[in-house]
Amino acid sequence: ENAFTTEDYTAYFQSVSVDHLEEMMKLEADR
């Protein structure tokens, strides 16, 4: 995972196996 900021946006990402997508979505929603 990582994040970056540009002139126009700030983005956060995680790359995981497909079966962990729901957990990533919950973690992002939480923060």
PDB file of all heavy atoms in Angstrom:
ATOM      1  N   GLU A   1       0.833  -1.199   0.000  1.00  0.00           N
ATOM      2  CA  GLU A   1       0.000   0.000   0.000  1.00  0.00           C
ATOM      3  C   GLU A   1       0.863   1.242   0.000  1.00  0.00           C
ATOM      4  O   GLU A   1       2.047   1.187   0.331  1.00  0.00           O
ATOM      5  CB  GLU A   1      -0.951   0.002   1.195  1.00  0.00           C
ATOM      6  CG  GLU A   1      -0.299  -0.391   2.502  1.00  0.00           C
ATOM      7  CD  GLU A   1       0.071   0.751   3.402  1.00  0.00           C
ATOM      8  OE1 GLU A   1      -0.545   1.809   3.317  1.00  0.00           O
ATOM      9  OE2 GLU A   1       1.000   0.586   4.192  1.00  0.00           O
ATOM     10  N   ASN A   2       0.250   2.327  -0.403  1.00  0.00           N
ATOM     11  CA  ASN A   2       0.943   3.606  -0.403  1.00  0.00           C
ATOM     12  C   ASN A   2      -0.076   4.698  -0.666  1.00  0.00           C
ATOM     13  O   ASN A   2      -1.272   4.431  -0.804  1.00  0.00           O
ATOM     14  CB  ASN A   2       2.060   3.626  -1.445  1.00  0.00           C
ATOM     15  CG  ASN A   2       3.224   4.500  -1.016  1.00  0.00           C
ATOM     16  OD1 ASN A   2       3.061   5.458  -0.255  1.00  0.00           O
ATOM     17  ND2 ASN A   2       4.408   4.168  -1.488  1.00  0.00           N
ATOM     18  N   ALA A   3       0.432   5.910  -0.772  1.00  0.00           N
ATOM     19  CA  ALA A   3      -0.418   7.063  -1.059  1.00  0.00           C
ATOM     20  C   ALA A   3       0.426   8.101  -1.768  1.00  0.00           C
ATOM     21  O   ALA A   3       1.662   8.055  -1.718  1.00  0.00           O
ATOM     22  CB  ALA A   3      -0.985   7.634   0.238  1.00  0.00           C
ATOM     23  N   PHE A   4      -0.246   9.040  -2.426  1.00  0.00           N
ATOM     24  CA  PHE A   4       0.474  10.120  -3.086  1.00  0.00           C
ATOM     25  C   PHE A   4      -0.437  11.331  -3.236  1.00  0.00           C
ATOM     26  O   PHE A   4      -1.650  11.207  -3.266  1.00  0.00           O
ATOM     27  CB  PHE A   4       1.022   9.675  -4.452  1.00  0.00           C
ATOM     28  CG  PHE A   4      -0.003   9.071  -5.378  1.00  0.00           C
ATOM     29  CD1 PHE A   4      -0.678   9.861  -6.307  1.00  0.00           C
ATOM     30  CD2 PHE A   4      -0.282   7.717  -5.330  1.00  0.00           C
ATOM     31  CE1 PHE A   4      -1.607   9.299  -7.171  1.00  0.00           C
ATOM     32  CE2 PHE A   4      -1.208   7.145  -6.193  1.00  0.00           C
ATOM     33  CZ  PHE A   4      -1.874   7.947  -7.117  1.00  0.00           C
ATOM     34  N   THR A   5       0.185  12.478  -3.296  1.00  0.00           N
ATOM     35  CA  THR A   5      -0.525  13.742  -3.473  1.00  0.00           C
ATOM     36  C   THR A   5       0.028  14.436  -4.701  1.00  0.00           C
ATOM     37  O   THR A   5       1.242  14.495  -4.886  1.00  0.00           O
ATOM     38  CB  THR A   5      -0.337  14.650  -2.236  1.00  0.00           C
ATOM     39  OG1 THR A   5      -0.836  13.961  -1.085  1.00  0.00           O
ATOM     40  CG2 THR A   5      -1.068  15.964  -2.381  1.00  0.00           C
ATOM     41  N   THR A   6      -0.871  14.952  -5.530  1.00  0.00           N
ATOM     42  CA  THR A   6      -0.473  15.709  -6.713  1.00  0.00           C
ATOM     43  C   THR A   6      -1.086  17.096  -6.625  1.00  0.00           C
ATOM     44  O   THR A   6      -1.661  17.464  -5.599  1.00  0.00           O
ATOM     45  CB  THR A   6      -0.949  15.028  -8.011  1.00  0.00           C
ATOM     46  OG1 THR A   6      -2.377  15.182  -8.108  1.00  0.00           O
ATOM     47  CG2 THR A   6      -0.569  13.558  -8.049  1.00  0.00           C
ATOM     48  N   GLU A   7      -1.013  17.823  -7.700  1.00  0.00           N
ATOM     49  CA  GLU A   7      -1.642  19.148  -7.752  1.00  0.00           C
ATOM     50  C   GLU A   7      -3.158  19.052  -7.592  1.00  0.00           C
ATOM     51  O   GLU A   7      -3.777  19.934  -7.023  1.00  0.00           O
ATOM     52  CB  GLU A   7      -1.318  19.847  -9.079  1.00  0.00           C
ATOM     53  CG  GLU A   7       0.133  20.242  -9.229  1.00  0.00           C
ATOM     54  CD  GLU A   7       0.564  21.285  -8.211  1.00  0.00           C
ATOM     55  OE1 GLU A   7      -0.135  22.306  -8.049  1.00  0.00           O
ATOM     56  OE2 GLU A   7       1.596  21.078  -7.558  1.00  0.00           O
ATOM     57  N   ASP A   8      -3.755  17.980  -8.132  1.00  0.00           N
ATOM     58  CA  ASP A   8      -5.213  17.912  -8.224  1.00  0.00           C
ATOM     59  C   ASP A   8      -5.899  16.899  -7.316  1.00  0.00           C
ATOM     60  O   ASP A   8      -7.102  16.952  -7.149  1.00  0.00           O
ATOM     61  CB  ASP A   8      -5.610  17.597  -9.667  1.00  0.00           C
ATOM     62  CG  ASP A   8      -5.131  18.659 -10.629  1.00  0.00           C
ATOM     63  OD1 ASP A   8      -5.292  19.848 -10.315  1.00  0.00           O
ATOM     64  OD2 ASP A   8      -4.580  18.297 -11.680  1.00  0.00           O
ATOM     65  N   TYR A   9      -5.163  15.948  -6.770  1.00  0.00           N
ATOM     66  CA  TYR A   9      -5.811  14.927  -5.963  1.00  0.00           C
ATOM     67  C   TYR A   9      -4.826  14.281  -4.992  1.00  0.00           C
ATOM     68  O   TYR A   9      -3.621  14.399  -5.130  1.00  0.00           O
ATOM     69  CB  TYR A   9      -6.460  13.846  -6.835  1.00  0.00           C
ATOM     70  CG  TYR A   9      -5.516  13.234  -7.849  1.00  0.00           C
ATOM     71  CD1 TYR A   9      -4.655  12.205  -7.496  1.00  0.00           C
ATOM     72  CD2 TYR A   9      -5.470  13.702  -9.152  1.00  0.00           C
ATOM     73  CE1 TYR A   9      -3.769  11.659  -8.408  1.00  0.00           C
ATOM     74  CE2 TYR A   9      -4.594  13.163 -10.078  1.00  0.00           C
ATOM     75  CZ  TYR A   9      -3.753  12.142  -9.699  1.00  0.00           C
ATOM     76  OH  TYR A   9      -2.872  11.607 -10.600  1.00  0.00           O
ATOM     77  N   THR A  10      -5.413  13.591  -4.010  1.00  0.00           N
ATOM     78  CA  THR A  10      -4.653  12.773  -3.071  1.00  0.00           C
ATOM     79  C   THR A  10      -5.247  11.373  -3.161  1.00  0.00           C
ATOM     80  O   THR A  10      -6.469  11.216  -3.117  1.00  0.00           O
ATOM     81  CB  THR A  10      -4.765  13.323  -1.639  1.00  0.00           C
ATOM     82  OG1 THR A  10      -4.325  14.676  -1.631  1.00  0.00           O
ATOM     83  CG2 THR A  10      -3.919  12.515  -0.669  1.00  0.00           C
ATOM     84  N   ALA A  11      -4.400  10.374  -3.315  1.00  0.00           N
ATOM     85  CA  ALA A  11      -4.886   9.011  -3.517  1.00  0.00           C
ATOM     86  C   ALA A  11      -4.200   8.039  -2.569  1.00  0.00           C
ATOM     87  O   ALA A  11      -3.043   8.213  -2.210  1.00  0.00           O
ATOM     88  CB  ALA A  11      -4.636   8.585  -4.969  1.00  0.00           C
ATOM     89  N   TYR A  12      -4.952   7.023  -2.186  1.00  0.00           N
ATOM     90  CA  TYR A  12      -4.476   5.959  -1.305  1.00  0.00           C
ATOM     91  C   TYR A  12      -4.786   4.637  -1.999  1.00  0.00           C
ATOM     92  O   TYR A  12      -5.859   4.486  -2.581  1.00  0.00           O
ATOM     93  CB  TYR A  12      -5.210   6.003   0.041  1.00  0.00           C
ATOM     94  CG  TYR A  12      -5.082   7.337   0.723  1.00  0.00           C
ATOM     95  CD1 TYR A  12      -5.934   8.388   0.407  1.00  0.00           C
ATOM     96  CD2 TYR A  12      -4.079   7.557   1.655  1.00  0.00           C
ATOM     97  CE1 TYR A  12      -5.785   9.633   1.010  1.00  0.00           C
ATOM     98  CE2 TYR A  12      -3.935   8.789   2.262  1.00  0.00           C
ATOM     99  CZ  TYR A  12      -4.791   9.824   1.932  1.00  0.00           C
ATOM    100  OH  TYR A  12      -4.645  11.046   2.518  1.00  0.00           O
ATOM    101  N   PHE A  13      -3.867   3.680  -1.957  1.00  0.00           N
ATOM    102  CA  PHE A  13      -4.157   2.403  -2.592  1.00  0.00           C
ATOM    103  C   PHE A  13      -3.552   1.240  -1.824  1.00  0.00           C
ATOM    104  O   PHE A  13      -2.579   1.393  -1.104  1.00  0.00           O
ATOM    105  CB  PHE A  13      -3.677   2.384  -4.049  1.00  0.00           C
ATOM    106  CG  PHE A  13      -2.176   2.383  -4.211  1.00  0.00           C
ATOM    107  CD1 PHE A  13      -1.470   1.190  -4.260  1.00  0.00           C
ATOM    108  CD2 PHE A  13      -1.478   3.569  -4.316  1.00  0.00           C
ATOM    109  CE1 PHE A  13      -0.082   1.193  -4.412  1.00  0.00           C
ATOM    110  CE2 PHE A  13      -0.094   3.584  -4.471  1.00  0.00           C
ATOM    111  CZ  PHE A  13       0.597   2.387  -4.519  1.00  0.00           C
ATOM    112  N   GLN A  14      -4.189   0.083  -2.016  1.00  0.00           N
ATOM    113  CA  GLN A  14      -3.706  -1.176  -1.472  1.00  0.00           C
ATOM    114  C   GLN A  14      -3.870  -2.225  -2.574  1.00  0.00           C
ATOM    115  O   GLN A  14      -4.900  -2.260  -3.244  1.00  0.00           O
ATOM    116  CB  GLN A  14      -4.513  -1.640  -0.253  1.00  0.00           C
ATOM    117  CG  GLN A  14      -4.643  -0.635   0.857  1.00  0.00           C
ATOM    118  CD  GLN A  14      -5.795   0.317   0.646  1.00  0.00           C
ATOM    119  OE1 GLN A  14      -6.849  -0.056   0.179  1.00  0.00           O
ATOM    120  NE2 GLN A  14      -5.586   1.574   0.993  1.00  0.00           N
ATOM    121  N   SER A  15      -2.870  -3.061  -2.754  1.00  0.00           N
ATOM    122  CA  SER A  15      -2.964  -4.204  -3.663  1.00  0.00           C
ATOM    123  C   SER A  15      -2.908  -5.461  -2.806  1.00  0.00           C
ATOM    124  O   SER A  15      -1.943  -5.663  -2.062  1.00  0.00           O
ATOM    125  CB  SER A  15      -1.817  -4.198  -4.667  1.00  0.00           C
ATOM    126  OG  SER A  15      -1.938  -3.100  -5.542  1.00  0.00           O
ATOM    127  N   VAL A  16      -3.963  -6.253  -2.888  1.00  0.00           N
ATOM    128  CA  VAL A  16      -4.089  -7.470  -2.088  1.00  0.00           C
ATOM    129  C   VAL A  16      -4.753  -8.552  -2.930  1.00  0.00           C
ATOM    130  O   VAL A  16      -5.258  -8.281  -4.013  1.00  0.00           O
ATOM    131  CB  VAL A  16      -4.935  -7.230  -0.810  1.00  0.00           C
ATOM    132  CG1 VAL A  16      -4.246  -6.271   0.142  1.00  0.00           C
ATOM    133  CG2 VAL A  16      -6.327  -6.734  -1.164  1.00  0.00           C
ATOM    134  N   SER A  17      -4.793  -9.770  -2.412  1.00  0.00           N
ATOM    135  CA  SER A  17      -5.529 -10.817  -3.115  1.00  0.00           C
ATOM    136  C   SER A  17      -7.016 -10.460  -3.081  1.00  0.00           C
ATOM    137  O   SER A  17      -7.485  -9.777  -2.164  1.00  0.00           O
ATOM    138  CB  SER A  17      -5.265 -12.183  -2.501  1.00  0.00           C
ATOM    139  OG  SER A  17      -5.775 -12.229  -1.191  1.00  0.00           O
ATOM    140  N   VAL A  18      -7.723 -10.925  -4.079  1.00  0.00           N
ATOM    141  CA  VAL A  18      -9.130 -10.564  -4.261  1.00  0.00           C
ATOM    142  C   VAL A  18      -9.964 -10.843  -3.014  1.00  0.00           C
ATOM    143  O   VAL A  18     -10.862 -10.062  -2.675  1.00  0.00           O
ATOM    144  CB  VAL A  18      -9.715 -11.302  -5.488  1.00  0.00           C
ATOM    145  CG1 VAL A  18     -11.203 -11.110  -5.603  1.00  0.00           C
ATOM    146  CG2 VAL A  18      -9.021 -10.857  -6.756  1.00  0.00           C
ATOM    147  N   ASP A  19      -9.672 -11.906  -2.312  1.00  0.00           N
ATOM    148  CA  ASP A  19     -10.477 -12.265  -1.144  1.00  0.00           C
ATOM    149  C   ASP A  19     -10.330 -11.286   0.022  1.00  0.00           C
ATOM    150  O   ASP A  19     -11.069 -11.378   0.997  1.00  0.00           O
ATOM    151  CB  ASP A  19     -10.198 -13.704  -0.696  1.00  0.00           C
ATOM    152  CG  ASP A  19      -8.732 -13.982  -0.431  1.00  0.00           C
ATOM    153  OD1 ASP A  19      -7.879 -13.456  -1.152  1.00  0.00           O
ATOM    154  OD2 ASP A  19      -8.441 -14.757   0.507  1.00  0.00           O
ATOM    155  N   HIS A  20      -9.420 -10.317  -0.067  1.00  0.00           N
ATOM    156  CA  HIS A  20      -9.252  -9.328   1.007  1.00  0.00           C
ATOM    157  C   HIS A  20      -9.791  -7.942   0.633  1.00  0.00           C
ATOM    158  O   HIS A  20      -9.601  -6.984   1.377  1.00  0.00           O
ATOM    159  CB  HIS A  20      -7.781  -9.219   1.394  1.00  0.00           C
ATOM    160  CG  HIS A  20      -7.219 -10.480   1.961  1.00  0.00           C
ATOM    161  ND1 HIS A  20      -7.749 -11.118   3.065  1.00  0.00           N
ATOM    162  CD2 HIS A  20      -6.183 -11.249   1.557  1.00  0.00           C
ATOM    163  CE1 HIS A  20      -7.062 -12.208   3.315  1.00  0.00           C
ATOM    164  NE2 HIS A  20      -6.105 -12.316   2.412  1.00  0.00           N
ATOM    165  N   LEU A  21     -10.468  -7.839  -0.502  1.00  0.00           N
ATOM    166  CA  LEU A  21     -10.998  -6.544  -0.943  1.00  0.00           C
ATOM    167  C   LEU A  21     -11.958  -5.939   0.075  1.00  0.00           C
ATOM    168  O   LEU A  21     -11.853  -4.760   0.409  1.00  0.00           O
ATOM    169  CB  LEU A  21     -11.697  -6.678  -2.302  1.00  0.00           C
ATOM    170  CG  LEU A  21     -12.407  -5.412  -2.809  1.00  0.00           C
ATOM    171  CD1 LEU A  21     -11.412  -4.261  -2.968  1.00  0.00           C
ATOM    172  CD2 LEU A  21     -13.128  -5.695  -4.117  1.00  0.00           C
ATOM    173  N   GLU A  22     -12.869  -6.726   0.586  1.00  0.00           N
ATOM    174  CA  GLU A  22     -13.844  -6.205   1.546  1.00  0.00           C
ATOM    175  C   GLU A  22     -13.152  -5.610   2.776  1.00  0.00           C
ATOM    176  O   GLU A  22     -13.530  -4.545   3.260  1.00  0.00           O
ATOM    177  CB  GLU A  22     -14.830  -7.292   1.972  1.00  0.00           C
ATOM    178  CG  GLU A  22     -15.917  -6.764   2.889  1.00  0.00           C
ATOM    179  CD  GLU A  22     -16.959  -7.826   3.242  1.00  0.00           C
ATOM    180  OE1 GLU A  22     -16.936  -8.936   2.681  1.00  0.00           O
ATOM    181  OE2 GLU A  22     -17.799  -7.516   4.115  1.00  0.00           O
ATOM    182  N   GLU A  23     -12.111  -6.277   3.250  1.00  0.00           N
ATOM    183  CA  GLU A  23     -11.382  -5.763   4.416  1.00  0.00           C
ATOM    184  C   GLU A  23     -10.713  -4.426   4.100  1.00  0.00           C
ATOM    185  O   GLU A  23     -10.712  -3.510   4.910  1.00  0.00           O
ATOM    186  CB  GLU A  23     -10.347  -6.783   4.883  1.00  0.00           C
ATOM    187  CG  GLU A  23      -9.710  -6.396   6.195  1.00  0.00           C
ATOM    188  CD  GLU A  23      -8.922  -7.532   6.830  1.00  0.00           C
ATOM    189  OE1 GLU A  23      -8.902  -8.640   6.302  1.00  0.00           O
ATOM    190  OE2 GLU A  23      -8.314  -7.260   7.888  1.00  0.00           O
ATOM    191  N   MET A  24     -10.158  -4.288   2.889  1.00  0.00           N
ATOM    192  CA  MET A  24      -9.525  -3.016   2.487  1.00  0.00           C
ATOM    193  C   MET A  24     -10.559  -1.903   2.425  1.00  0.00           C
ATOM    194  O   MET A  24     -10.307  -0.779   2.867  1.00  0.00           O
ATOM    195  CB  MET A  24      -8.834  -3.142   1.125  1.00  0.00           C
ATOM    196  CG  MET A  24      -7.617  -4.038   1.099  1.00  0.00           C
ATOM    197  SD  MET A  24      -6.341  -3.547   2.283  1.00  0.00           S
ATOM    198  CE  MET A  24      -6.659  -4.658   3.647  1.00  0.00           C
ATOM    199  N   MET A  25     -11.737  -2.224   1.897  1.00  0.00           N
ATOM    200  CA  MET A  25     -12.798  -1.224   1.799  1.00  0.00           C
ATOM    201  C   MET A  25     -13.239  -0.766   3.188  1.00  0.00           C
ATOM    202  O   MET A  25     -13.456   0.426   3.420  1.00  0.00           O
ATOM    203  CB  MET A  25     -13.968  -1.766   0.992  1.00  0.00           C
ATOM    204  CG  MET A  25     -13.604  -2.021  -0.461  1.00  0.00           C
ATOM    205  SD  MET A  25     -14.920  -2.799  -1.396  1.00  0.00           S
ATOM    206  CE  MET A  25     -15.793  -1.341  -1.934  1.00  0.00           C
ATOM    207  N   LYS A  26     -13.338  -1.706   4.111  1.00  0.00           N
ATOM    208  CA  LYS A  26     -13.727  -1.353   5.488  1.00  0.00           C
ATOM    209  C   LYS A  26     -12.653  -0.487   6.150  1.00  0.00           C
ATOM    210  O   LYS A  26     -12.977   0.485   6.840  1.00  0.00           O
ATOM    211  CB  LYS A  26     -13.975  -2.614   6.311  1.00  0.00           C
ATOM    212  CG  LYS A  26     -15.256  -3.320   5.951  1.00  0.00           C
ATOM    213  CD  LYS A  26     -15.434  -4.589   6.771  1.00  0.00           C
ATOM    214  CE  LYS A  26     -16.721  -5.298   6.396  1.00  0.00           C
ATOM    215  NZ  LYS A  26     -16.905  -6.564   7.122  1.00  0.00           N
ATOM    216  N   LEU A  27     -11.380  -0.836   5.937  1.00  0.00           N
ATOM    217  CA  LEU A  27     -10.291  -0.046   6.528  1.00  0.00           C
ATOM    218  C   LEU A  27     -10.285   1.382   5.989  1.00  0.00           C
ATOM    219  O   LEU A  27     -10.107   2.348   6.744  1.00  0.00           O
ATOM    220  CB  LEU A  27      -8.940  -0.711   6.267  1.00  0.00           C
ATOM    221  CG  LEU A  27      -8.608  -1.925   7.113  1.00  0.00           C
ATOM    222  CD1 LEU A  27      -7.383  -2.647   6.571  1.00  0.00           C
ATOM    223  CD2 LEU A  27      -8.400  -1.529   8.569  1.00  0.00           C
ATOM    224  N   GLU A  28     -10.454   1.534   4.678  1.00  0.00           N
ATOM    225  CA  GLU A  28     -10.485   2.884   4.087  1.00  0.00           C
ATOM    226  C   GLU A  28     -11.689   3.672   4.584  1.00  0.00           C
ATOM    227  O   GLU A  28     -11.574   4.849   4.902  1.00  0.00           O
ATOM    228  CB  GLU A  28     -10.499   2.831   2.558  1.00  0.00           C
ATOM    229  CG  GLU A  28      -9.161   2.663   1.925  1.00  0.00           C
ATOM    230  CD  GLU A  28      -8.191   3.821   2.128  1.00  0.00           C
ATOM    231  OE1 GLU A  28      -8.523   4.854   2.741  1.00  0.00           O
ATOM    232  OE2 GLU A  28      -7.061   3.681   1.654  1.00  0.00           O
ATOM    233  N   ALA A  29     -12.841   3.019   4.636  1.00  0.00           N
ATOM    234  CA  ALA A  29     -14.046   3.702   5.129  1.00  0.00           C
ATOM    235  C   ALA A  29     -13.842   4.159   6.566  1.00  0.00           C
ATOM    236  O   ALA A  29     -14.249   5.268   6.943  1.00  0.00           O
ATOM    237  CB  ALA A  29     -15.257   2.775   5.015  1.00  0.00           C
ATOM    238  N   ASP A  30     -13.195   3.318   7.366  1.00  0.00           N
ATOM    239  CA  ASP A  30     -12.932   3.656   8.767  1.00  0.00           C
ATOM    240  C   ASP A  30     -12.061   4.906   8.865  1.00  0.00           C
ATOM    241  O   ASP A  30     -12.361   5.826   9.618  1.00  0.00           O
ATOM    242  CB  ASP A  30     -12.268   2.476   9.475  1.00  0.00           C
ATOM    243  CG  ASP A  30     -11.926   2.785  10.923  1.00  0.00           C
ATOM    244  OD1 ASP A  30     -12.816   3.251  11.663  1.00  0.00           O
ATOM    245  OD2 ASP A  30     -10.762   2.581  11.310  1.00  0.00           O
ATOM    246  N   ARG A  31     -10.990   4.960   8.089  1.00  0.00           N
ATOM    247  CA  ARG A  31     -10.124   6.140   8.232  1.00  0.00           C
ATOM    248  C   ARG A  31     -10.699   7.376   7.567  1.00  0.00           C
ATOM    249  O   ARG A  31     -10.277   8.487   7.849  1.00  0.00           O
ATOM    250  CB  ARG A  31      -8.691   5.842   7.816  1.00  0.00           C
ATOM    251  CG  ARG A  31      -8.389   5.706   6.368  1.00  0.00           C
ATOM    252  CD  ARG A  31      -6.883   5.487   6.220  1.00  0.00           C
ATOM    253  NE  ARG A  31      -6.491   5.245   4.857  1.00  0.00           N
ATOM    254  CZ  ARG A  31      -5.247   4.996   4.495  1.00  0.00           C
ATOM    255  NH1 ARG A  31      -4.291   4.920   5.399  1.00  0.00           N
ATOM    256  NH2 ARG A  31      -4.958   4.791   3.238  1.00  0.00           N
TER     257      ARG A  31
END
